[in-house]
Amino acid sequence: IDKWYRKQAKELFLDRLNANYEKFTRKIPYPSLKIRKMTSRWGVCNIKTHEITLNLELIKRDVSYLDYVIIHEMSHLIYGDHSSSFWKLVEDNMPNYKKYRKEMKEF
């Protein structure tokens, strides 16, 4: 089953990365994408290598949660912290992000 999920995730995650990258309000380098199982995070951004790693478990959630994590991680390519400027950028790209952020803490 994990192989099937990974194949589905590779296609969907790349598609959503492209869609969100196209609409992103700031100019950033195009990030590379990794997918892996993680136990305590939904996504990780390596600022130096411009690499976003997404949790395989996102394939089991509505695509809006995936979009939120992608936007969150792309925003780290501008702001490496969780400052107010960072959250403003997330909000500029997903005005209702607080809903998804709150719900994801309950998963």
Protein backbone atom coordinates (compact mmCIF):
# COMPACT_ATOMS: atom_id res chain seq x y z
CA ILE A 1 0.00 0.00 0.00
CA ASP A 2 2.85 2.40 0.80
CA LYS A 3 4.22 1.97 -2.72
CA TRP A 4 0.83 2.86 -4.18
CA TYR A 5 0.48 5.89 -1.87
CA ARG A 6 4.00 7.02 -2.77
CA LYS A 7 3.24 6.82 -6.51
CA GLN A 8 0.01 8.75 -6.09
CA ALA A 9 1.70 11.29 -3.82
CA LYS A 10 4.54 11.91 -6.26
CA GLU A 11 2.10 12.93 -9.00
CA LEU A 12 -0.29 14.91 -6.81
CA PHE A 13 2.35 16.66 -4.70
CA LEU A 14 4.29 17.77 -7.78
CA ASP A 15 1.09 18.99 -9.42
CA ARG A 16 0.13 21.01 -6.32
CA LEU A 17 3.69 22.35 -5.94
CA ASN A 18 3.56 23.62 -9.52
CA ALA A 19 0.10 25.16 -9.08
CA ASN A 20 1.08 26.93 -5.85
CA TYR A 21 4.45 28.03 -7.22
CA GLU A 22 2.74 29.66 -10.23
CA LYS A 23 0.42 31.67 -7.95
CA PHE A 24 2.95 32.46 -5.21
CA THR A 25 3.08 36.21 -4.59
CA ARG A 26 6.87 36.42 -4.23
CA LYS A 27 9.66 35.40 -6.57
CA ILE A 28 11.45 32.34 -5.19
CA PRO A 29 13.72 29.70 -6.69
CA TYR A 30 11.79 26.65 -7.82
CA PRO A 31 12.12 24.12 -4.98
CA SER A 32 12.93 20.46 -5.45
CA LEU A 33 10.52 18.02 -3.86
CA LYS A 34 11.05 15.04 -1.58
CA ILE A 35 8.39 12.81 -0.10
CA ARG A 36 8.89 10.70 3.00
CA LYS A 37 7.08 9.39 6.03
CA MET A 38 7.51 11.68 9.01
CA THR A 39 6.12 11.20 12.48
CA SER A 40 6.10 14.74 13.85
CA ARG A 41 6.00 17.14 10.88
CA TRP A 42 3.90 17.74 7.81
CA GLY A 43 6.70 19.41 5.88
CA VAL A 44 10.27 20.64 6.06
CA CYS A 45 12.12 23.24 4.01
CA ASN A 46 15.86 23.25 3.49
CA ILE A 47 16.56 26.90 2.77
CA LYS A 48 20.11 26.33 1.52
CA THR A 49 19.24 23.64 -1.05
CA HIS A 50 15.74 24.97 -1.86
CA GLU A 51 14.29 21.56 -1.10
CA ILE A 52 10.83 20.93 0.31
CA THR A 53 10.11 17.60 1.96
CA LEU A 54 6.46 16.65 2.40
CA ASN A 55 5.02 14.01 4.66
CA LEU A 56 3.61 11.05 2.73
CA GLU A 57 0.60 11.06 5.08
CA LEU A 58 -0.66 14.23 3.35
CA ILE A 59 -1.88 11.99 0.53
CA LYS A 60 -4.63 10.82 2.90
CA ARG A 61 -5.92 14.36 3.54
CA ASP A 62 -7.91 16.85 1.52
CA VAL A 63 -5.76 18.69 -1.03
CA SER A 64 -6.30 21.99 0.84
CA TYR A 65 -4.09 20.73 3.67
CA LEU A 66 -1.41 19.82 1.16
CA ASP A 67 -1.66 23.30 -0.36
CA TYR A 68 -1.28 24.87 3.08
CA VAL A 69 1.87 22.87 3.85
CA ILE A 70 3.37 23.68 0.44
CA ILE A 71 2.66 27.41 0.86
CA HIS A 72 4.03 27.30 4.40
CA GLU A 73 7.26 25.66 3.26
CA MET A 74 7.66 27.92 0.20
CA SER A 75 7.26 30.92 2.52
CA HIS A 76 10.32 29.70 4.42
CA LEU A 77 12.36 30.35 1.27
CA ILE A 78 11.73 34.06 1.99
CA TYR A 79 11.59 34.00 5.80
CA GLY A 80 13.46 31.26 7.64
CA ASP A 81 11.50 31.79 10.84
CA HIS A 82 7.89 32.08 11.97
CA SER A 83 7.91 35.87 12.30
CA SER A 84 4.87 38.04 11.68
CA SER A 85 6.28 38.76 8.20
CA PHE A 86 6.37 35.03 7.51
CA TRP A 87 2.72 34.56 8.56
CA LYS A 88 1.69 37.61 6.50
CA LEU A 89 3.26 35.98 3.43
CA VAL A 90 1.44 32.71 4.16
CA GLU A 91 -1.81 34.67 4.52
CA ASP A 92 -1.20 36.57 1.27
CA ASN A 93 -1.02 33.21 -0.51
CA MET A 94 -3.75 31.43 1.46
CA PRO A 95 -6.10 33.84 3.27
CA ASN A 96 -7.83 31.05 5.21
CA TYR A 97 -4.63 29.28 6.30
CA LYS A 98 -5.53 29.54 10.02
CA LYS A 99 -8.40 27.09 9.52
CA TYR A 100 -6.09 24.44 8.05
CA ARG A 101 -3.30 25.11 10.54
CA LYS A 102 -5.69 24.67 13.46
CA GLU A 103 -7.27 21.50 12.06
CA MET A 104 -3.90 19.93 11.28
CA LYS A 105 -2.83 20.26 14.91
CA GLU A 106 -5.74 17.96 15.76
CA PHE A 107 -4.70 15.15 13.37
